[in-house]
Amino acid sequence: MSRVLAGLLLSLVAVGGCRSATGADHYPPGACHQTYEFGNYGCARVALTLVQPPTPWPARYRVSVRIERVDPIFAGYSTVEPDAPWEPTLIEWTRWDLPPASGDDTLTVRIVARMLDDPWPPAAGPLAVFAADSVLRVLHFAPVGGVPVTDSVTLTLRRP
């Protein structure tokens, strides 16, 4: 057996050893899971409902939802393109950095939904915004193994 193959096998066994064979990593329904890839410290959830803009719409469009951290020190975002944008969508935000040492584990974010004109053939540059809405929200995180309270948000997409 080559050294590379032996090293790979040893790595896989070591990674497997991080997970419990006794079910210790079994979580209650809806709990935040440990990803084991980079490590995470919990999650927050938002049940998002989008209200359609008035018609007529572009012939082709794309709906994009973006959750942006408001704190400039910890800039970052997550973008989702829901498969069925006009149905309620559950969005989960994973905490990849350490939570605060004291107090509630919260994070202020801006949730932005946009309906983008997606012409065919594609045009050069960014897609034009057909309709949008946004809101500031405080996400409440639960630790790994805990069940977060799901926050409900409704955004009404409007023409700019």
N, C-alpha and C. Protein backbone atom coordinates (compact mmCIF):
# COMPACT_ATOMS: atom_id res chain seq x y z
N MET A 1 0.85 -1.16 0.00
CA MET A 1 0.00 0.00 0.00
C MET A 1 0.90 1.24 0.00
N SER A 2 0.59 2.18 -0.87
CA SER A 2 1.43 3.37 -0.96
C SER A 2 1.24 4.27 0.26
N ARG A 3 2.22 5.12 0.49
CA ARG A 3 2.13 6.06 1.62
C ARG A 3 0.95 7.00 1.45
N VAL A 4 0.68 7.44 0.20
CA VAL A 4 -0.42 8.37 -0.05
C VAL A 4 -1.75 7.70 0.29
N LEU A 5 -1.94 6.46 -0.16
CA LEU A 5 -3.17 5.73 0.11
C LEU A 5 -3.32 5.47 1.61
N ALA A 6 -2.23 5.11 2.27
CA ALA A 6 -2.27 4.86 3.71
C ALA A 6 -2.62 6.14 4.46
N GLY A 7 -2.05 7.25 4.02
CA GLY A 7 -2.36 8.54 4.65
C GLY A 7 -3.81 8.93 4.46
N LEU A 8 -4.35 8.67 3.26
CA LEU A 8 -5.74 8.97 2.99
C LEU A 8 -6.66 8.12 3.86
N LEU A 9 -6.34 6.84 3.97
CA LEU A 9 -7.13 5.94 4.79
C LEU A 9 -7.10 6.37 6.26
N LEU A 10 -5.94 6.75 6.75
CA LEU A 10 -5.80 7.21 8.13
C LEU A 10 -6.61 8.48 8.35
N SER A 11 -6.61 9.39 7.37
CA SER A 11 -7.39 10.63 7.47
C SER A 11 -8.88 10.33 7.55
N LEU A 12 -9.35 9.41 6.74
CA LEU A 12 -10.77 9.05 6.74
C LEU A 12 -11.16 8.42 8.07
N VAL A 13 -10.30 7.57 8.63
CA VAL A 13 -10.59 6.96 9.92
C VAL A 13 -10.63 8.04 11.00
N ALA A 14 -9.70 9.00 10.94
CA ALA A 14 -9.66 10.07 11.94
C ALA A 14 -10.91 10.93 11.85
N VAL A 15 -11.36 11.26 10.64
CA VAL A 15 -12.57 12.06 10.48
C VAL A 15 -13.77 11.27 10.99
N GLY A 16 -13.84 10.00 10.65
CA GLY A 16 -14.94 9.16 11.12
C GLY A 16 -14.96 9.06 12.63
N GLY A 17 -13.80 9.14 13.26
CA GLY A 17 -13.72 9.04 14.71
C GLY A 17 -14.31 10.25 15.41
N CYS A 18 -14.46 11.37 14.69
CA CYS A 18 -15.05 12.56 15.29
C CYS A 18 -16.54 12.39 15.51
N ARG A 19 -17.17 11.50 14.77
CA ARG A 19 -18.60 11.27 14.89
C ARG A 19 -18.84 10.08 15.79
N SER A 20 -19.82 10.18 16.61
CA SER A 20 -20.08 9.12 17.56
C SER A 20 -20.83 7.96 16.94
N ALA A 21 -20.37 6.75 17.16
CA ALA A 21 -21.07 5.56 16.69
C ALA A 21 -22.21 5.20 17.61
N THR A 22 -22.29 5.85 18.77
CA THR A 22 -23.34 5.53 19.73
C THR A 22 -24.56 6.43 19.58
N GLY A 23 -24.53 7.33 18.59
CA GLY A 23 -25.68 8.20 18.37
C GLY A 23 -25.60 9.49 19.16
N ALA A 24 -24.43 9.81 19.73
CA ALA A 24 -24.29 11.04 20.51
C ALA A 24 -24.47 12.27 19.63
N ASP A 25 -24.28 12.11 18.30
CA ASP A 25 -24.47 13.26 17.42
C ASP A 25 -25.88 13.28 16.85
N HIS A 26 -26.80 12.50 17.43
CA HIS A 26 -28.20 12.52 17.00
C HIS A 26 -28.85 13.75 17.63
N TYR A 27 -29.53 14.52 16.80
CA TYR A 27 -30.13 15.77 17.27
C TYR A 27 -31.65 15.67 17.23
N PRO A 28 -32.32 16.47 18.05
CA PRO A 28 -33.78 16.50 17.98
C PRO A 28 -34.23 17.09 16.63
N PRO A 29 -35.48 16.84 16.22
CA PRO A 29 -35.96 17.39 14.95
C PRO A 29 -35.83 18.91 14.91
N GLY A 30 -35.32 19.43 13.81
CA GLY A 30 -35.18 20.87 13.64
C GLY A 30 -33.95 21.47 14.28
N ALA A 31 -33.09 20.64 14.86
CA ALA A 31 -31.90 21.16 15.55
C ALA A 31 -30.82 21.58 14.56
N CYS A 32 -29.95 22.47 15.01
CA CYS A 32 -28.77 22.87 14.24
C CYS A 32 -27.78 21.71 14.25
N HIS A 33 -27.27 21.36 13.10
CA HIS A 33 -26.34 20.24 13.00
C HIS A 33 -24.90 20.71 12.91
N GLN A 34 -24.00 19.91 13.41
CA GLN A 34 -22.57 20.14 13.25
C GLN A 34 -22.21 19.65 11.86
N THR A 35 -21.51 20.46 11.09
CA THR A 35 -21.19 20.10 9.71
C THR A 35 -19.93 19.26 9.60
N TYR A 36 -19.04 19.35 10.58
CA TYR A 36 -17.78 18.60 10.62
C TYR A 36 -16.78 19.02 9.55
N GLU A 37 -17.15 19.86 8.61
CA GLU A 37 -16.18 20.23 7.58
C GLU A 37 -15.27 21.37 8.03
N PHE A 38 -15.84 22.44 8.55
CA PHE A 38 -15.04 23.56 9.02
C PHE A 38 -15.34 23.85 10.49
N GLY A 39 -16.37 23.24 10.99
CA GLY A 39 -16.84 23.55 12.33
C GLY A 39 -17.80 24.71 12.27
N ASN A 40 -18.85 24.63 13.01
CA ASN A 40 -19.80 25.72 13.09
C ASN A 40 -20.33 25.79 14.51
N TYR A 41 -20.97 26.91 14.83
CA TYR A 41 -21.36 27.18 16.20
C TYR A 41 -22.86 27.32 16.38
N GLY A 42 -23.66 26.93 15.39
CA GLY A 42 -25.10 26.99 15.52
C GLY A 42 -25.75 27.53 14.27
N CYS A 43 -27.05 27.85 14.38
CA CYS A 43 -27.76 28.34 13.21
C CYS A 43 -28.95 29.19 13.63
N ALA A 44 -29.46 29.93 12.67
CA ALA A 44 -30.69 30.72 12.82
C ALA A 44 -31.54 30.42 11.59
N ARG A 45 -32.85 30.54 11.73
CA ARG A 45 -33.75 30.24 10.60
C ARG A 45 -34.75 31.36 10.40
N VAL A 46 -35.06 31.58 9.12
CA VAL A 46 -36.06 32.56 8.72
C VAL A 46 -37.03 31.88 7.76
N ALA A 47 -38.33 31.98 8.06
CA ALA A 47 -39.36 31.52 7.13
C ALA A 47 -39.74 32.75 6.30
N LEU A 48 -39.38 32.73 5.03
CA LEU A 48 -39.54 33.89 4.16
C LEU A 48 -40.71 33.70 3.21
N THR A 49 -41.57 34.71 3.16
CA THR A 49 -42.66 34.73 2.19
C THR A 49 -42.47 35.95 1.32
N LEU A 50 -42.49 35.75 0.01
CA LEU A 50 -42.37 36.85 -0.94
C LEU A 50 -43.72 37.11 -1.58
N VAL A 51 -44.10 38.38 -1.62
CA VAL A 51 -45.34 38.80 -2.28
C VAL A 51 -44.96 39.28 -3.67
N GLN A 52 -45.63 38.73 -4.68
CA GLN A 52 -45.31 39.03 -6.08
C GLN A 52 -45.54 40.49 -6.41
N PRO A 53 -44.68 41.03 -7.30
CA PRO A 53 -44.91 42.40 -7.76
C PRO A 53 -46.05 42.41 -8.78
N PRO A 54 -46.60 43.60 -9.07
CA PRO A 54 -47.66 43.68 -10.08
C PRO A 54 -47.14 43.27 -11.46
N THR A 55 -48.01 42.75 -12.28
CA THR A 55 -47.65 42.39 -13.66
C THR A 55 -47.81 43.64 -14.52
N PRO A 56 -47.23 43.70 -15.69
CA PRO A 56 -46.51 42.64 -16.40
C PRO A 56 -45.09 42.48 -15.88
N TRP A 57 -44.60 41.25 -15.98
CA TRP A 57 -43.25 40.91 -15.57
C TRP A 57 -42.35 40.78 -16.79
N PRO A 58 -41.04 40.74 -16.56
CA PRO A 58 -40.12 40.45 -17.67
C PRO A 58 -40.43 39.05 -18.23
N ALA A 59 -40.12 38.83 -19.49
CA ALA A 59 -40.35 37.52 -20.12
C ALA A 59 -39.60 36.43 -19.37
N ARG A 60 -38.38 36.71 -18.94
CA ARG A 60 -37.59 35.78 -18.12
C ARG A 60 -37.12 36.55 -16.90
N TYR A 61 -37.19 35.89 -15.77
CA TYR A 61 -36.74 36.55 -14.53
C TYR A 61 -36.11 35.53 -13.60
N ARG A 62 -35.42 36.05 -12.61
CA ARG A 62 -34.78 35.25 -11.57
C ARG A 62 -35.05 35.96 -10.24
N VAL A 63 -35.35 35.18 -9.20
CA VAL A 63 -35.57 35.76 -7.88
C VAL A 63 -34.38 35.40 -7.01
N SER A 64 -33.80 36.41 -6.38
CA SER A 64 -32.62 36.23 -5.54
C SER A 64 -32.90 36.78 -4.16
N VAL A 65 -32.56 36.00 -3.14
CA VAL A 65 -32.70 36.45 -1.75
C VAL A 65 -31.30 36.48 -1.15
N ARG A 66 -30.98 37.58 -0.52
CA ARG A 66 -29.64 37.75 0.05
C ARG A 66 -29.78 38.16 1.51
N ILE A 67 -29.03 37.50 2.37
CA ILE A 67 -28.97 37.89 3.78
C ILE A 67 -27.58 38.47 4.00
N GLU A 68 -27.54 39.76 4.39
CA GLU A 68 -26.27 40.48 4.54
C GLU A 68 -26.06 40.87 6.00
N ARG A 69 -24.86 40.65 6.48
CA ARG A 69 -24.52 41.11 7.83
C ARG A 69 -24.42 42.62 7.80
N VAL A 70 -24.98 43.28 8.79
CA VAL A 70 -24.98 44.74 8.83
C VAL A 70 -23.70 45.28 9.43
N ASP A 71 -23.12 44.59 10.40
CA ASP A 71 -21.91 45.04 11.08
C ASP A 71 -20.75 45.08 10.08
N PRO A 72 -20.18 46.26 9.81
CA PRO A 72 -19.11 46.35 8.81
C PRO A 72 -17.84 45.60 9.21
N ILE A 73 -17.66 45.34 10.50
CA ILE A 73 -16.47 44.62 10.94
C ILE A 73 -16.56 43.16 10.48
N PHE A 74 -17.76 42.62 10.49
CA PHE A 74 -17.98 41.23 10.12
C PHE A 74 -18.79 41.12 8.84
N ALA A 75 -18.37 41.81 7.80
CA ALA A 75 -19.12 41.79 6.54
C ALA A 75 -19.18 40.37 5.99
N GLY A 76 -20.29 40.03 5.45
CA GLY A 76 -20.49 38.72 4.85
C GLY A 76 -21.94 38.58 4.44
N TYR A 77 -22.21 37.61 3.58
CA TYR A 77 -23.58 37.44 3.12
C TYR A 77 -23.80 36.01 2.66
N SER A 78 -25.05 35.68 2.46
CA SER A 78 -25.46 34.39 1.93
C SER A 78 -26.56 34.67 0.92
N THR A 79 -26.46 34.06 -0.25
CA THR A 79 -27.46 34.27 -1.30
C THR A 79 -28.16 32.96 -1.61
N VAL A 80 -29.48 33.05 -1.79
CA VAL A 80 -30.31 31.89 -2.10
C VAL A 80 -31.17 32.24 -3.31
N GLU A 81 -31.32 31.30 -4.23
CA GLU A 81 -32.28 31.47 -5.32
C GLU A 81 -33.33 30.38 -5.15
N PRO A 82 -34.47 30.72 -4.51
CA PRO A 82 -35.48 29.70 -4.22
C PRO A 82 -36.02 29.05 -5.49
N ASP A 83 -36.23 27.72 -5.44
CA ASP A 83 -36.79 27.00 -6.58
C ASP A 83 -38.22 27.44 -6.85
N ALA A 84 -38.98 27.68 -5.81
CA ALA A 84 -40.37 28.11 -5.94
C ALA A 84 -40.51 29.42 -5.15
N PRO A 85 -40.09 30.56 -5.74
CA PRO A 85 -40.00 31.80 -4.98
C PRO A 85 -41.32 32.30 -4.40
N TRP A 86 -42.45 31.91 -4.97
CA TRP A 86 -43.72 32.46 -4.49
C TRP A 86 -44.36 31.57 -3.43
N GLU A 87 -43.63 30.55 -3.00
CA GLU A 87 -44.06 29.71 -1.89
C GLU A 87 -43.15 30.01 -0.70
N PRO A 88 -43.64 29.85 0.52
CA PRO A 88 -42.78 30.11 1.69
C PRO A 88 -41.49 29.30 1.61
N THR A 89 -40.38 29.95 1.95
CA THR A 89 -39.06 29.34 1.86
C THR A 89 -38.38 29.41 3.23
N LEU A 90 -37.82 28.30 3.67
CA LEU A 90 -37.08 28.29 4.93
C LEU A 90 -35.60 28.51 4.62
N ILE A 91 -35.03 29.56 5.20
CA ILE A 91 -33.62 29.88 4.98
C ILE A 91 -32.88 29.69 6.29
N GLU A 92 -31.77 28.98 6.23
CA GLU A 92 -30.95 28.75 7.43
C GLU A 92 -29.62 29.47 7.28
N TRP A 93 -29.22 30.18 8.31
CA TRP A 93 -27.94 30.89 8.35
C TRP A 93 -27.08 30.17 9.37
N THR A 94 -25.93 29.65 8.94
CA THR A 94 -25.02 28.93 9.83
C THR A 94 -24.01 29.90 10.43
N ARG A 95 -23.81 29.81 11.74
CA ARG A 95 -22.79 30.65 12.40
C ARG A 95 -21.45 29.94 12.27
N TRP A 96 -20.53 30.56 11.52
CA TRP A 96 -19.20 29.98 11.30
C TRP A 96 -18.17 30.57 12.24
N ASP A 97 -18.49 31.69 12.91
CA ASP A 97 -17.54 32.29 13.84
C ASP A 97 -18.05 32.10 15.27
N LEU A 98 -17.19 32.32 16.23
CA LEU A 98 -17.56 32.13 17.63
C LEU A 98 -18.67 33.09 18.03
N PRO A 99 -19.64 32.60 18.82
CA PRO A 99 -20.68 33.50 19.32
C PRO A 99 -20.11 34.44 20.37
N PRO A 100 -20.85 35.49 20.72
CA PRO A 100 -20.36 36.40 21.75
C PRO A 100 -20.15 35.67 23.08
N ALA A 101 -19.21 36.16 23.87
CA ALA A 101 -18.88 35.52 25.14
C ALA A 101 -20.02 35.62 26.15
N SER A 102 -20.81 36.68 26.05
CA SER A 102 -21.92 36.83 26.98
C SER A 102 -23.12 37.41 26.25
N GLY A 103 -24.27 37.23 26.82
CA GLY A 103 -25.49 37.79 26.24
C GLY A 103 -26.10 36.88 25.19
N ASP A 104 -27.13 37.39 24.55
CA ASP A 104 -27.83 36.63 23.52
C ASP A 104 -26.95 36.46 22.29
N ASP A 105 -27.09 35.32 21.65
CA ASP A 105 -26.36 35.06 20.41
C ASP A 105 -27.23 35.55 19.26
N THR A 106 -27.03 36.81 18.89
CA THR A 106 -27.83 37.44 17.84
C THR A 106 -26.93 38.10 16.82
N LEU A 107 -27.51 38.39 15.67
CA LEU A 107 -26.79 39.07 14.60
C LEU A 107 -27.79 39.90 13.81
N THR A 108 -27.50 41.18 13.61
CA THR A 108 -28.37 42.04 12.82
C THR A 108 -28.02 41.86 11.34
N VAL A 109 -29.04 41.58 10.55
CA VAL A 109 -28.86 41.36 9.11
C VAL A 109 -29.89 42.16 8.32
N ARG A 110 -29.60 42.32 7.06
CA ARG A 110 -30.57 42.88 6.11
C ARG A 110 -30.96 41.73 5.19
N ILE A 111 -32.25 41.48 5.07
CA ILE A 111 -32.75 40.46 4.15
C ILE A 111 -33.26 41.20 2.93
N VAL A 112 -32.69 40.88 1.77
CA VAL A 112 -33.00 41.57 0.52
C VAL A 112 -33.52 40.55 -0.49
N ALA A 113 -34.70 40.82 -1.05
CA ALA A 113 -35.24 39.98 -2.11
C ALA A 113 -35.34 40.83 -3.37
N ARG A 114 -34.91 40.25 -4.49
CA ARG A 114 -34.94 40.99 -5.76
C ARG A 114 -35.47 40.08 -6.87
N MET A 115 -36.30 40.65 -7.71
CA MET A 115 -36.72 39.98 -8.94
C MET A 115 -35.89 40.64 -10.04
N LEU A 116 -35.05 39.83 -10.70
CA LEU A 116 -34.10 40.35 -11.69
C LEU A 116 -34.58 40.01 -13.09
N ASP A 117 -34.47 40.98 -13.99
CA ASP A 117 -34.77 40.75 -15.39
C ASP A 117 -33.63 39.91 -15.97
N ASP A 118 -33.97 38.73 -16.49
CA ASP A 118 -32.97 37.77 -16.96
C ASP A 118 -33.17 37.53 -18.47
N PRO A 119 -32.76 38.50 -19.30
CA PRO A 119 -33.06 38.42 -20.74
C PRO A 119 -32.36 37.27 -21.44
N TRP A 120 -32.92 36.89 -22.59
CA TRP A 120 -32.28 35.90 -23.46
C TRP A 120 -32.17 36.48 -24.84
N PRO A 121 -31.02 36.50 -25.45
CA PRO A 121 -29.73 36.03 -24.93
C PRO A 121 -29.25 36.94 -23.80
N PRO A 122 -28.38 36.38 -22.94
CA PRO A 122 -27.89 37.15 -21.79
C PRO A 122 -27.20 38.44 -22.21
N ALA A 123 -27.43 39.48 -21.43
CA ALA A 123 -26.78 40.77 -21.67
C ALA A 123 -25.49 40.82 -20.85
N ALA A 124 -24.57 41.66 -21.28
CA ALA A 124 -23.32 41.84 -20.52
C ALA A 124 -23.61 42.65 -19.27
N GLY A 125 -22.92 42.33 -18.20
CA GLY A 125 -23.07 43.09 -16.96
C GLY A 125 -24.11 42.49 -16.04
N PRO A 126 -24.36 43.18 -14.92
CA PRO A 126 -25.31 42.66 -13.94
C PRO A 126 -26.74 42.72 -14.47
N LEU A 127 -27.60 41.86 -13.93
CA LEU A 127 -28.99 41.85 -14.32
C LEU A 127 -29.71 43.06 -13.73
N ALA A 128 -30.66 43.61 -14.49
CA ALA A 128 -31.44 44.76 -14.03
C ALA A 128 -32.44 44.31 -12.96
N VAL A 129 -32.60 45.14 -11.93
CA VAL A 129 -33.57 44.85 -10.87
C VAL A 129 -34.95 45.29 -11.35
N PHE A 130 -35.88 44.33 -11.40
CA PHE A 130 -37.25 44.62 -11.82
C PHE A 130 -38.09 45.06 -10.61
N ALA A 131 -37.93 44.35 -9.49
CA ALA A 131 -38.67 44.67 -8.26
C ALA A 131 -37.84 44.19 -7.07
N ALA A 132 -38.02 44.85 -5.91
CA ALA A 132 -37.21 44.48 -4.74
C ALA A 132 -37.89 44.92 -3.46
N ASP A 133 -37.42 44.35 -2.36
CA ASP A 133 -37.82 44.77 -1.02
C ASP A 133 -36.74 44.28 -0.05
N SER A 134 -36.63 44.94 1.10
CA SER A 134 -35.65 44.51 2.09
C SER A 134 -36.14 44.91 3.48
N VAL A 135 -35.54 44.27 4.49
CA VAL A 135 -35.88 44.56 5.87
C VAL A 135 -34.68 44.26 6.75
N LEU A 136 -34.52 45.04 7.83
CA LEU A 136 -33.52 44.74 8.85
C LEU A 136 -34.14 43.75 9.82
N ARG A 137 -33.33 42.77 10.25
CA ARG A 137 -33.84 41.76 11.16
C ARG A 137 -32.73 41.34 12.12
N VAL A 138 -33.08 40.97 13.31
CA VAL A 138 -32.13 40.41 14.26
C VAL A 138 -32.34 38.90 14.27
N LEU A 139 -31.31 38.16 13.85
CA LEU A 139 -31.37 36.70 13.87
C LEU A 139 -30.99 36.22 15.26
N HIS A 140 -31.70 35.22 15.76
CA HIS A 140 -31.42 34.61 17.06
C HIS A 140 -30.88 33.21 16.80
N PHE A 141 -29.64 32.97 17.20
CA PHE A 141 -28.98 31.70 16.94
C PHE A 141 -29.20 30.71 18.07
N ALA A 142 -29.27 29.44 17.70
CA ALA A 142 -29.27 28.33 18.66
C ALA A 142 -27.94 27.62 18.48
N PRO A 143 -27.38 27.05 19.54
CA PRO A 143 -26.11 26.32 19.41
C PRO A 143 -26.32 25.00 18.66
N VAL A 144 -25.23 24.39 18.24
CA VAL A 144 -25.30 23.07 17.62
C VAL A 144 -26.05 22.13 18.57
N GLY A 145 -27.04 21.42 18.06
CA GLY A 145 -27.86 20.53 18.88
C GLY A 145 -29.11 21.20 19.42
N GLY A 146 -29.15 22.55 19.38
CA GLY A 146 -30.33 23.29 19.83
C GLY A 146 -31.26 23.59 18.66
N VAL A 147 -32.51 23.86 18.95
CA VAL A 147 -33.50 24.18 17.92
C VAL A 147 -33.74 25.69 17.92
N PRO A 148 -33.42 26.37 16.81
CA PRO A 148 -33.62 27.83 16.78
C PRO A 148 -35.10 28.18 16.62
N VAL A 149 -35.47 29.33 17.14
CA VAL A 149 -36.81 29.86 16.92
C VAL A 149 -36.82 30.38 15.49
N THR A 150 -37.81 29.97 14.70
CA THR A 150 -37.89 30.40 13.30
C THR A 150 -38.60 31.75 13.23
N ASP A 151 -37.90 32.74 12.69
CA ASP A 151 -38.43 34.08 12.52
C ASP A 151 -39.19 34.13 11.19
N SER A 152 -40.36 34.76 11.16
CA SER A 152 -41.13 34.89 9.92
C SER A 152 -40.94 36.27 9.33
N VAL A 153 -40.67 36.34 8.03
CA VAL A 153 -40.46 37.60 7.33
C VAL A 153 -41.28 37.56 6.04
N THR A 154 -42.01 38.64 5.76
CA THR A 154 -42.72 38.79 4.49
C THR A 154 -42.18 40.01 3.79
N LEU A 155 -41.75 39.84 2.56
CA LEU A 155 -41.26 40.94 1.75
C LEU A 155 -42.18 41.10 0.55
N THR A 156 -42.58 42.34 0.28
CA THR A 156 -43.45 42.66 -0.85
C THR A 156 -42.58 43.30 -1.93
N LEU A 157 -42.38 42.58 -3.02
CA LEU A 157 -41.52 43.08 -4.09
C LEU A 157 -42.24 44.21 -4.83
N ARG A 158 -41.55 45.35 -4.94
CA ARG A 158 -42.11 46.53 -5.59
C ARG A 158 -41.16 47.02 -6.67
N ARG A 159 -41.73 47.67 -7.66
CA ARG A 159 -40.91 48.28 -8.72
C ARG A 159 -40.16 49.46 -8.15
N PRO A 160 -38.89 49.64 -8.54
CA PRO A 160 -38.11 50.78 -8.03
C PRO A 160 -38.64 52.11 -8.57
